[in-house]
Amino acid sequence: MSIVILDFGSQFTRLITRRFRELGAYSVILPGTASLERIRQENPQGIVLSGGPSSVYDEGAPRPAPGVLDLNVPILGVCYGMQYLAHEAGGDVKRAGKREYGKADLTEYGGRLFEGIQGEFVAWMSHSDSVTQLPQGYQVVARTEDTPVTAIENNETRRYGVQFHPEVVHTPKGGQLLANFLDICGVNRDWNAEHIVDELIGGVRAQVGDSGRVLLGISGGVDSSTLALLLARAVGDRLTAVFIDHGLLRLGEREQVEAALRPLGVNLVTVDARDEFLGQLAGVSDPEQKRKIIGREFIRAFERETARLGEFEFLAQGTLYPDVIESAGGEGAANIKSHHNVGGLPDDVKFKLVEPFRTLFKDEVREIARLLGLPDHIRMRHPFPGPGLAIRVLGEVTEEKLDILKRVDDIFISGLREFGLYDGCSQALAVLTPIQSVGVMGDERTYSYTAALRAVTTDDFMTAEWARLPYEFLATMSNRIVNQVHEINRVVYDITGKPPATIEWE
């Protein structure tokens, strides 16, 4: 049982499924043109038609498959989704005289979607078209000063529409509206950590069977560490966790991983593959090529290990939902960058992939980790990419550059912990840029590298804000870095959000 969100290209579609899951309802995203059969496979109790950049009158405008609007389940249209509902039911949609973008106050609201909501209702608008004539059976249940038809409903057919985006934080009471839609759908709010764990364990056992052996790549981060505990519950001693030291780790990370996981009872094997990885990366500057090489070498390293440890049919990975979406594994999504867990694996991989977290967000994995007893110093650790420092050394990766970046990164991350700022950031990192510039140190001219520091805050890693770290802290970090890492003579701080940037630089 789920809520199915049909994606028509809105930048906010992923937030809709996040909000439903936060409300305890499982939800999935399918392309707006998904077949009726594909939608029925999810056994939907409700459907959401997302927003999107198209007009309902555009040639080739996206539209649900025939039969979707005839399903006997409640349907909620958001922005373009509302316009499409109204248009298909016989209403009129026209270009608005004034484009409405940003926050707007509802001058009146009511009906089932707004049940129990009181006081001011601020809504986030982003539309050029508006419904100008209602279809038969619908009524207007909300208005703004510039948009007379801001929300509509037909309680007989259980069809609802809102011209604004209830899923974004800029619509503060939007969560209550989405909760009302779940009530209309009759959805059980049982999507929680306990339920997820039971579902995932059952799914792994069904896929692996009673005799399949599973190989897991361990990075020491929350995703792979949590997956190790989950798989140990699911398949017991048929799991072998392998830690590949590819030479692209942070300072002392291999030792920290071994010290953290072995006491938890994880059957951990460490493989030193530094020479192989760095050899294959020699002379490579393109970030996509680096990711592909690292993904390929991970698999090759695992294959060499299986020759020693025996045959493994399955390879487990801690792939998350945002990884799938950004790598265009989610249908209809743009390819932003390949994740080595998703788009960076070679075509001739010999393993069957086990990816229990493929439909989960980072915060859901952290909740599972808490339930499974993973210590907080691992559970709350910032994400670290599978390709490691290779994508934080811009351009060609060399041992010299890695050594420089490891020392810069250690100063920055240690400083965040020292000043009590680490837990306030969702992710923090240092980047070694290829930029060299003139500086003065000890009355002598230098021509050295520029290091970039980045820290972000986010709830879901789909969007992020740059962390407002204190100036005094940044000044201290800059002084420490240039004084202790002599190959650096300039430090900059990245103040770009996601979007338009990604969290990592490559």
Protein backbone atom coordinates (compact mmCIF):
# COMPACT_ATOMS: atom_id res chain seq x y z
CA MET A 1 0.00 0.00 0.00
CA SER A 2 1.44 3.38 -0.94
CA ILE A 3 0.90 6.88 -2.20
CA VAL A 4 2.13 7.14 -5.80
CA ILE A 5 3.52 10.49 -6.95
CA LEU A 6 3.53 10.91 -10.72
CA ASP A 7 6.41 13.20 -11.64
CA PHE A 8 5.79 15.78 -14.36
CA GLY A 9 9.12 17.54 -13.92
CA SER A 10 8.74 19.70 -10.82
CA GLN A 11 11.89 20.53 -8.88
CA PHE A 12 9.90 19.79 -5.71
CA THR A 13 8.57 16.31 -6.56
CA ARG A 14 11.11 14.55 -4.31
CA LEU A 15 9.96 16.67 -1.39
CA ILE A 16 6.39 15.37 -1.73
CA THR A 17 7.46 11.79 -1.05
CA ARG A 18 9.66 13.00 1.81
CA ARG A 19 6.73 14.76 3.48
CA PHE A 20 4.42 11.74 3.18
CA ARG A 21 7.07 9.47 4.70
CA GLU A 22 7.58 11.94 7.55
CA LEU A 23 3.85 11.62 8.14
CA GLY A 24 4.21 7.83 8.38
CA ALA A 25 2.95 6.89 4.90
CA TYR A 26 5.06 5.04 2.35
CA SER A 27 5.24 6.89 -0.95
CA VAL A 28 7.03 6.31 -4.26
CA ILE A 29 7.82 8.42 -7.30
CA LEU A 30 6.98 7.18 -10.79
CA PRO A 31 7.33 9.06 -14.09
CA GLY A 32 4.24 11.01 -15.03
CA THR A 33 3.75 8.76 -18.06
CA ALA A 34 4.02 5.47 -16.11
CA SER A 35 1.66 2.81 -17.40
CA LEU A 36 -1.53 1.95 -15.58
CA GLU A 37 -0.14 -1.53 -14.96
CA ARG A 38 3.05 -0.11 -13.40
CA ILE A 39 1.02 2.15 -11.10
CA ARG A 40 -1.21 -0.73 -10.02
CA GLN A 41 1.88 -2.72 -9.01
CA GLU A 42 2.34 -0.22 -6.15
CA ASN A 43 -1.20 -0.93 -4.92
CA PRO A 44 -1.85 2.81 -4.48
CA GLN A 45 -4.31 4.17 -1.96
CA GLY A 46 -3.89 7.64 -3.42
CA ILE A 47 -2.18 9.40 -6.31
CA VAL A 48 -0.49 12.79 -6.53
CA LEU A 49 0.03 14.57 -9.84
CA SER A 50 3.12 16.74 -9.37
CA GLY A 51 3.87 20.19 -10.66
CA GLY A 52 5.98 20.81 -13.73
CA PRO A 53 7.14 23.45 -16.20
CA SER A 54 4.67 22.59 -18.98
CA SER A 55 1.31 24.09 -19.87
CA VAL A 56 -1.59 21.70 -20.32
CA TYR A 57 -2.00 23.10 -23.84
CA ASP A 58 1.63 22.51 -24.89
CA GLU A 59 2.20 20.05 -27.66
CA GLY A 60 3.73 17.00 -26.02
CA ALA A 61 2.79 18.14 -22.51
CA PRO A 62 3.16 15.21 -20.08
CA ARG A 63 -0.03 13.47 -19.06
CA PRO A 64 -0.95 10.33 -17.11
CA ALA A 65 -1.55 7.10 -18.97
CA PRO A 66 -5.13 6.36 -20.06
CA GLY A 67 -7.16 5.00 -17.17
CA VAL A 68 -5.17 6.62 -14.36
CA LEU A 69 -7.75 9.33 -13.67
CA ASP A 70 -10.45 6.64 -13.63
CA LEU A 71 -8.88 4.73 -10.73
CA ASN A 72 -11.10 4.56 -7.66
CA VAL A 73 -8.60 6.31 -5.38
CA PRO A 74 -8.27 9.94 -4.26
CA ILE A 75 -6.11 12.10 -6.52
CA LEU A 76 -4.35 15.33 -5.54
CA GLY A 77 -3.06 17.66 -8.25
CA VAL A 78 -0.29 20.09 -7.33
CA CYS A 79 0.25 23.17 -9.54
CA TYR A 80 0.47 21.68 -13.07
CA GLY A 81 -1.26 18.61 -11.63
CA MET A 82 -4.24 20.71 -10.55
CA GLN A 83 -4.42 22.43 -13.94
CA TYR A 84 -4.37 19.05 -15.66
CA LEU A 85 -7.17 17.70 -13.43
CA ALA A 86 -9.32 20.74 -14.16
CA HIS A 87 -8.59 20.70 -17.89
CA GLU A 88 -9.37 16.98 -18.28
CA ALA A 89 -12.64 17.38 -16.38
CA GLY A 90 -13.80 20.13 -18.76
CA GLY A 91 -12.53 23.27 -17.08
CA ASP A 92 -10.49 26.09 -18.64
CA VAL A 93 -6.84 26.90 -17.98
CA LYS A 94 -5.33 30.13 -19.28
CA ARG A 95 -2.12 32.11 -18.99
CA ALA A 96 -2.46 34.29 -15.91
CA GLY A 97 -2.36 38.05 -16.35
CA LYS A 98 0.24 38.17 -13.59
CA ARG A 99 2.72 35.40 -12.89
CA GLU A 100 2.63 34.44 -9.22
CA TYR A 101 5.93 33.35 -7.72
CA GLY A 102 6.96 33.22 -4.08
CA LYS A 103 4.93 33.53 -0.91
CA ALA A 104 1.24 34.43 -1.04
CA ASP A 105 -1.42 34.66 1.67
CA LEU A 106 -4.64 32.75 1.18
CA THR A 107 -7.47 35.25 1.59
CA GLU A 108 -9.87 32.39 2.29
CA TYR A 109 -9.72 28.62 2.51
CA GLY A 110 -11.89 25.65 3.52
CA GLY A 111 -12.99 22.18 2.47
CA ARG A 112 -11.59 18.77 3.34
CA LEU A 113 -7.97 19.51 2.43
CA PHE A 114 -7.89 22.42 4.88
CA GLU A 115 -9.84 20.69 7.64
CA GLY A 116 -8.54 21.61 11.10
CA ILE A 117 -6.20 24.32 9.78
CA GLN A 118 -6.66 27.70 11.42
CA GLY A 119 -5.22 31.18 11.20
CA GLU A 120 -2.94 32.57 8.51
CA PHE A 121 -2.06 30.24 5.63
CA VAL A 122 1.06 31.23 3.71
CA ALA A 123 1.52 29.31 0.44
CA TRP A 124 4.49 29.07 -1.92
CA MET A 125 3.44 29.81 -5.49
CA SER A 126 5.26 29.13 -8.77
CA HIS A 127 2.93 29.28 -11.77
CA SER A 128 2.11 31.15 -14.96
CA ASP A 129 -1.14 29.34 -15.86
CA SER A 130 -4.31 29.42 -13.77
CA VAL A 131 -7.67 27.67 -13.76
CA THR A 132 -10.15 30.25 -15.04
CA GLN A 133 -13.31 28.14 -15.24
CA LEU A 134 -14.20 25.24 -12.96
CA PRO A 135 -15.21 21.88 -14.36
CA GLN A 136 -18.59 20.47 -13.37
CA GLY A 137 -18.72 19.04 -9.85
CA TYR A 138 -15.77 21.07 -8.52
CA GLN A 139 -15.81 23.99 -6.15
CA VAL A 140 -13.22 26.59 -5.20
CA VAL A 141 -11.98 26.05 -1.64
CA ALA A 142 -9.09 28.58 -1.49
CA ARG A 143 -8.15 31.92 -3.04
CA THR A 144 -5.37 34.50 -3.00
CA GLU A 145 -5.56 38.13 -4.03
CA ASP A 146 -4.05 37.36 -7.45
CA THR A 147 -5.38 33.82 -7.98
CA PRO A 148 -9.16 33.43 -7.55
CA VAL A 149 -8.87 29.66 -8.01
CA THR A 150 -6.07 28.54 -5.67
CA ALA A 151 -7.52 25.19 -4.53
CA ILE A 152 -10.38 23.06 -5.83
CA GLU A 153 -12.11 19.86 -4.79
CA ASN A 154 -14.74 17.40 -5.89
CA ASN A 155 -15.69 15.31 -2.87
CA GLU A 156 -17.90 12.98 -4.89
CA THR A 157 -15.05 11.80 -7.14
CA ARG A 158 -12.38 12.52 -4.47
CA ARG A 159 -10.39 14.75 -6.80
CA TYR A 160 -8.47 17.67 -5.25
CA GLY A 161 -6.11 20.34 -6.51
CA VAL A 162 -3.88 23.10 -5.12
CA GLN A 163 -2.14 25.76 -7.17
CA PHE A 164 0.64 26.14 -4.58
CA HIS A 165 3.31 23.75 -3.27
CA PRO A 166 2.32 22.29 0.14
CA GLU A 167 5.50 20.16 0.25
CA VAL A 168 8.03 23.01 0.61
CA VAL A 169 9.06 24.58 3.92
CA HIS A 170 7.88 27.95 2.60
CA THR A 171 4.31 26.64 3.04
CA PRO A 172 4.45 26.19 6.85
CA LYS A 173 1.05 24.51 7.20
CA GLY A 174 1.42 22.42 4.05
CA GLY A 175 2.23 19.33 6.09
CA GLN A 176 -1.19 19.43 7.74
CA LEU A 177 -2.83 19.71 4.32
CA LEU A 178 -0.91 16.63 3.11
CA ALA A 179 -1.92 14.81 6.30
CA ASN A 180 -5.54 15.59 5.50
CA PHE A 181 -5.08 14.05 2.06
CA LEU A 182 -3.71 10.89 3.71
CA ASP A 183 -6.84 10.79 5.90
CA ILE A 184 -8.99 11.08 2.78
CA CYS A 185 -7.05 8.15 1.29
CA GLY A 186 -7.44 6.09 4.47
CA VAL A 187 -3.72 5.40 4.65
CA ASN A 188 -2.28 3.63 7.68
CA ARG A 189 0.58 5.63 9.21
CA ASP A 190 2.83 2.63 9.83
CA TRP A 191 5.92 3.71 7.87
CA ASN A 192 8.43 3.90 10.75
CA ALA A 193 11.86 2.49 11.57
CA GLU A 194 10.48 -0.75 13.04
CA HIS A 195 8.26 -1.35 10.03
CA ILE A 196 11.07 -0.51 7.60
CA VAL A 197 13.50 -2.93 9.29
CA ASP A 198 11.01 -5.80 9.12
CA GLU A 199 10.26 -5.04 5.45
CA LEU A 200 13.94 -4.79 4.51
CA ILE A 201 14.96 -8.00 6.29
CA GLY A 202 12.10 -9.85 4.61
CA GLY A 203 13.09 -8.41 1.25
CA VAL A 204 16.74 -9.44 1.64
CA ARG A 205 15.83 -12.97 2.69
CA ALA A 206 13.47 -13.32 -0.26
CA GLN A 207 16.15 -12.13 -2.70
CA VAL A 208 19.13 -14.02 -1.26
CA GLY A 209 17.34 -17.25 -0.33
CA ASP A 210 18.48 -19.81 2.23
CA SER A 211 21.99 -20.39 0.90
CA GLY A 212 23.14 -17.25 -0.93
CA ARG A 213 26.35 -15.62 0.28
CA VAL A 214 26.53 -11.82 0.41
CA LEU A 215 29.58 -9.61 -0.02
CA LEU A 216 29.31 -6.10 1.40
CA GLY A 217 31.63 -3.19 0.77
CA ILE A 218 32.22 -1.27 4.00
CA SER A 219 33.25 2.38 3.97
CA GLY A 220 32.80 3.10 7.67
CA GLY A 221 30.00 5.58 7.02
CA VAL A 222 26.49 5.30 8.39
CA ASP A 223 25.00 3.73 5.24
CA SER A 224 27.35 0.76 4.87
CA SER A 225 27.71 0.27 8.64
CA THR A 226 23.94 0.17 9.10
CA LEU A 227 23.64 -2.15 6.13
CA ALA A 228 26.18 -4.51 7.73
CA LEU A 229 24.04 -4.79 10.87
CA LEU A 230 20.85 -5.24 8.85
CA LEU A 231 22.36 -7.94 6.64
CA ALA A 232 23.83 -9.74 9.65
CA ARG A 233 20.29 -10.00 11.02
CA ALA A 234 18.95 -11.14 7.67
CA VAL A 235 21.54 -13.73 6.58
CA GLY A 236 23.84 -14.22 9.58
CA ASP A 237 27.27 -15.66 8.84
CA ARG A 238 26.56 -15.78 5.10
CA LEU A 239 27.60 -12.10 5.10
CA THR A 240 31.23 -11.04 4.64
CA ALA A 241 32.02 -7.33 4.90
CA VAL A 242 35.07 -6.15 2.97
CA PHE A 243 36.76 -2.81 3.54
CA ILE A 244 38.66 -1.68 0.44
CA ASP A 245 41.44 0.75 1.28
CA HIS A 246 41.72 2.52 -2.07
CA GLY A 247 44.15 5.16 -0.85
CA LEU A 248 41.50 7.87 -1.18
CA LEU A 249 40.46 7.90 2.48
CA ARG A 250 40.82 10.67 5.02
CA LEU A 251 43.64 10.80 7.52
CA GLY A 252 43.59 7.71 9.81
CA GLU A 253 40.25 6.54 8.43
CA ARG A 254 41.19 2.92 7.83
CA GLU A 255 42.21 2.48 11.47
CA GLN A 256 39.02 4.21 12.67
CA VAL A 257 36.83 1.92 10.54
CA GLU A 258 38.49 -1.22 11.84
CA ALA A 259 38.28 -0.05 15.46
CA ALA A 260 34.61 0.91 15.13
CA LEU A 261 33.19 -2.13 13.30
CA ARG A 262 35.04 -5.18 14.59
CA PRO A 263 33.76 -4.73 18.18
CA LEU A 264 30.20 -4.72 16.76
CA GLY A 265 30.69 -8.30 15.61
CA VAL A 266 31.02 -7.52 11.91
CA ASN A 267 33.04 -10.12 9.99
CA LEU A 268 35.39 -7.53 8.49
CA VAL A 269 38.14 -8.16 5.95
CA THR A 270 40.48 -5.29 5.03
CA VAL A 271 42.03 -5.17 1.55
CA ASP A 272 44.94 -2.89 0.63
CA ALA A 273 44.29 -1.83 -2.97
CA ARG A 274 45.95 1.59 -2.95
CA ASP A 275 48.43 0.86 -5.71
CA GLU A 276 45.77 -0.50 -8.07
CA PHE A 277 43.40 2.46 -7.66
CA LEU A 278 46.01 5.20 -7.88
CA GLY A 279 47.61 3.49 -10.86
CA GLN A 280 44.33 3.47 -12.78
CA LEU A 281 43.61 7.11 -11.84
CA ALA A 282 46.99 8.37 -13.05
CA GLY A 283 46.57 11.13 -15.62
CA VAL A 284 42.75 11.22 -15.31
CA SER A 285 41.13 14.62 -14.67
CA ASP A 286 37.52 14.24 -15.77
CA PRO A 287 35.29 13.66 -12.70
CA GLU A 288 32.90 11.29 -14.45
CA GLN A 289 35.80 9.19 -15.70
CA LYS A 290 37.27 9.12 -12.19
CA ARG A 291 33.95 7.85 -10.79
CA LYS A 292 33.70 5.19 -13.48
CA ILE A 293 37.27 4.01 -12.83
CA ILE A 294 36.70 3.85 -9.08
CA GLY A 295 33.42 1.94 -9.52
CA ARG A 296 35.14 -0.51 -11.85
CA GLU A 297 38.12 -0.99 -9.53
CA PHE A 298 35.85 -1.58 -6.55
CA ILE A 299 34.23 -4.44 -8.40
CA ARG A 300 37.58 -5.81 -9.54
CA ALA A 301 38.86 -5.71 -5.97
CA PHE A 302 35.78 -7.56 -4.77
CA GLU A 303 36.18 -10.13 -7.51
CA ARG A 304 39.80 -10.75 -6.48
CA GLU A 305 38.64 -11.14 -2.90
CA THR A 306 35.95 -13.65 -3.78
CA ALA A 307 38.58 -15.79 -5.47
CA ARG A 308 40.25 -16.00 -2.06
CA LEU A 309 37.17 -16.16 0.16
CA GLY A 310 35.03 -18.39 -2.04
CA GLU A 311 32.10 -17.70 -4.33
CA PHE A 312 29.62 -14.91 -3.57
CA GLU A 313 26.50 -14.56 -5.65
CA PHE A 314 25.41 -11.21 -4.20
CA LEU A 315 27.03 -7.81 -3.74
CA ALA A 316 25.34 -5.47 -1.24
CA GLN A 317 25.53 -1.70 -1.57
CA GLY A 318 24.26 1.17 0.56
CA THR A 319 22.69 3.01 -2.37
CA LEU A 320 20.18 5.68 -1.23
CA TYR A 321 17.21 7.23 -2.99
CA PRO A 322 18.98 10.57 -3.71
CA ASP A 323 21.84 8.58 -5.34
CA VAL A 324 19.34 6.87 -7.61
CA ILE A 325 17.61 10.12 -8.51
CA GLU A 326 20.82 12.08 -9.23
CA SER A 327 22.19 9.27 -11.38
CA ALA A 328 18.91 9.21 -13.34
CA GLY A 329 18.09 5.81 -11.87
CA GLY A 330 14.77 7.38 -10.97
CA GLU A 331 12.75 7.48 -14.19
CA GLY A 332 12.32 10.93 -15.63
CA ALA A 333 15.16 12.49 -13.67
CA ALA A 334 18.05 14.43 -15.19
CA ASN A 335 21.50 12.86 -14.95
CA ILE A 336 23.40 15.18 -12.63
CA LYS A 337 26.35 12.92 -11.85
CA SER A 338 27.08 9.22 -11.62
CA HIS A 339 27.31 7.72 -8.16
CA HIS A 340 29.68 4.77 -8.01
CA ASN A 341 26.88 2.84 -6.29
CA VAL A 342 24.55 3.50 -9.21
CA GLY A 343 25.97 4.72 -12.48
CA GLY A 344 29.63 3.89 -11.99
CA LEU A 345 29.56 0.08 -12.11
CA PRO A 346 30.87 -1.77 -15.14
CA ASP A 347 28.40 -3.49 -17.46
CA ASP A 348 30.02 -6.90 -16.96
CA VAL A 349 29.60 -7.01 -13.17
CA LYS A 350 29.33 -10.66 -12.09
CA PHE A 351 27.34 -10.07 -8.91
CA LYS A 352 23.62 -9.71 -8.32
CA LEU A 353 23.13 -6.43 -6.48
CA VAL A 354 21.41 -6.24 -3.08
CA GLU A 355 20.40 -2.64 -2.34
CA PRO A 356 17.92 -2.59 0.56
CA PHE A 357 18.25 1.19 1.09
CA ARG A 358 17.55 2.10 -2.53
CA THR A 359 14.19 3.70 -1.69
CA LEU A 360 15.31 5.38 1.56
CA PHE A 361 16.56 8.84 2.46
CA LYS A 362 19.55 9.47 4.72
CA ASP A 363 17.48 10.35 7.80
CA GLU A 364 15.52 7.10 7.44
CA VAL A 365 18.77 5.13 7.41
CA ARG A 366 19.92 6.96 10.56
CA GLU A 367 16.70 5.93 12.29
CA ILE A 368 17.27 2.31 11.28
CA ALA A 369 20.83 2.60 12.60
CA ARG A 370 19.51 3.81 15.96
CA LEU A 371 17.10 0.90 16.14
CA LEU A 372 19.87 -1.59 15.28
CA GLY A 373 22.15 -0.17 17.98
CA LEU A 374 24.83 1.54 15.89
CA PRO A 375 26.84 3.91 18.14
CA ASP A 376 26.08 7.60 17.66
CA HIS A 377 29.65 8.52 16.67
CA ILE A 378 29.14 6.37 13.56
CA ARG A 379 25.39 6.92 13.15
CA MET A 380 25.70 10.72 13.07
CA ARG A 381 28.89 10.86 11.04
CA HIS A 382 28.76 13.11 8.00
CA PRO A 383 28.37 11.40 4.62
CA PHE A 384 31.60 10.58 2.81
CA PRO A 385 31.49 9.70 -0.91
CA GLY A 386 32.44 6.25 -2.12
CA PRO A 387 35.05 7.68 -4.53
CA GLY A 388 36.58 9.38 -1.49
CA LEU A 389 39.06 12.19 -1.90
CA ALA A 390 39.43 11.47 -5.61
CA ILE A 391 36.47 13.77 -6.29
CA ARG A 392 37.73 16.36 -3.82
CA VAL A 393 41.08 16.65 -5.57
CA LEU A 394 40.03 18.60 -8.64
CA GLY A 395 41.86 17.43 -11.71
CA GLU A 396 44.44 14.64 -11.70
CA VAL A 397 44.80 12.65 -8.48
CA THR A 398 48.34 12.16 -7.21
CA GLU A 399 49.75 10.93 -3.90
CA GLU A 400 51.17 14.39 -3.25
CA LYS A 401 47.79 16.09 -3.72
CA LEU A 402 46.04 13.47 -1.60
CA ASP A 403 48.53 14.04 1.20
CA ILE A 404 47.88 17.80 1.07
CA LEU A 405 44.10 17.38 1.09
CA LYS A 406 44.15 14.84 3.93
CA ARG A 407 45.93 17.33 6.19
CA VAL A 408 43.60 20.20 5.22
CA ASP A 409 40.50 18.04 5.73
CA ASP A 410 41.73 16.83 9.13
CA ILE A 411 42.27 20.40 10.35
CA PHE A 412 38.80 21.47 9.16
CA ILE A 413 36.82 18.50 10.51
CA SER A 414 38.76 18.47 13.80
CA GLY A 415 38.12 22.21 14.12
CA LEU A 416 34.37 21.75 13.63
CA ARG A 417 34.35 19.21 16.45
CA GLU A 418 36.55 21.38 18.69
CA PHE A 419 34.28 24.41 18.28
CA GLY A 420 31.06 22.37 18.70
CA LEU A 421 29.94 23.03 15.13
CA TYR A 422 30.14 19.53 13.64
CA ASP A 423 26.65 18.33 14.60
CA GLY A 424 25.13 21.57 13.31
CA CYS A 425 26.38 20.77 9.81
CA SER A 426 24.90 18.00 7.67
CA GLN A 427 28.09 17.58 5.67
CA ALA A 428 31.47 19.30 5.66
CA LEU A 429 34.45 18.83 3.39
CA ALA A 430 37.64 20.32 2.02
CA VAL A 431 38.51 20.56 -1.67
CA LEU A 432 41.97 20.91 -3.20
CA THR A 433 41.56 23.13 -6.25
CA PRO A 434 43.99 23.25 -9.17
CA ILE A 435 44.27 27.01 -8.68
CA GLN A 436 47.70 28.27 -7.65
CA SER A 437 48.24 31.88 -6.68
CA VAL A 438 50.91 34.21 -5.38
CA GLY A 439 51.25 34.65 -1.64
CA VAL A 440 53.68 35.95 0.95
CA MET A 441 54.83 33.77 3.83
CA GLY A 442 57.82 34.65 6.03
CA ASP A 443 58.70 37.61 3.77
CA GLU A 444 59.06 35.21 0.87
CA ARG A 445 56.98 34.89 -2.27
CA THR A 446 54.95 31.68 -2.57
CA TYR A 447 53.05 30.18 -5.46
CA SER A 448 50.82 27.56 -3.86
CA TYR A 449 47.45 25.86 -3.97
CA THR A 450 44.05 27.22 -2.99
CA ALA A 451 41.94 25.07 -0.65
CA ALA A 452 38.15 25.41 -0.55
CA LEU A 453 36.11 24.61 2.55
CA ARG A 454 32.43 23.67 2.31
CA ALA A 455 29.77 22.95 4.91
CA VAL A 456 26.04 22.58 4.32
CA THR A 457 22.82 22.08 6.23
CA THR A 458 19.97 20.00 4.83
CA ASP A 459 17.09 17.75 5.86
CA ASP A 460 17.13 15.44 2.86
CA PHE A 461 20.33 16.08 0.79
CA MET A 462 18.13 16.82 -2.21
CA THR A 463 18.48 20.53 -1.49
CA ALA A 464 20.96 22.21 0.86
CA GLU A 465 21.95 25.59 2.29
CA TRP A 466 25.55 26.61 2.94
CA ALA A 467 26.29 26.56 6.67
CA ARG A 468 26.63 29.99 8.28
CA LEU A 469 29.81 29.20 10.19
CA PRO A 470 31.14 32.00 12.46
CA TYR A 471 33.69 34.32 10.91
CA GLU A 472 36.01 33.79 13.86
CA PHE A 473 35.98 30.04 13.26
CA LEU A 474 36.67 30.42 9.54
CA ALA A 475 39.53 32.81 10.28
CA THR A 476 41.01 30.29 12.74
CA MET A 477 40.74 27.47 10.19
CA SER A 478 42.37 29.58 7.49
CA ASN A 479 45.29 30.46 9.77
CA ARG A 480 45.77 26.85 10.87
CA ILE A 481 45.67 25.50 7.35
CA VAL A 482 48.18 27.92 5.80
CA ASN A 483 50.49 27.63 8.80
CA GLN A 484 50.42 23.83 9.05
CA VAL A 485 49.98 22.85 5.39
CA HIS A 486 52.71 24.80 3.64
CA GLU A 487 51.54 23.78 0.18
CA ILE A 488 48.42 25.96 0.74
CA ASN A 489 48.58 29.76 0.76
CA ARG A 490 44.93 30.64 0.20
CA VAL A 491 41.66 29.35 1.75
CA VAL A 492 38.15 30.11 0.45
CA TYR A 493 34.71 29.18 1.79
CA ASP A 494 31.95 28.00 -0.55
CA ILE A 495 28.66 29.87 0.00
CA THR A 496 26.62 28.23 -2.79
CA GLY A 497 23.42 26.32 -2.11
CA LYS A 498 22.10 23.14 -3.75
CA PRO A 499 20.76 23.98 -6.27
CA PRO A 500 22.40 25.51 -8.25
CA ALA A 501 25.51 23.65 -7.02
CA THR A 502 25.85 20.08 -5.81
CA ILE A 503 27.25 19.38 -2.34
CA GLU A 504 30.43 17.84 -3.70
CA TRP A 505 32.43 19.84 -6.24
CA GLU A 506 32.78 16.87 -8.60
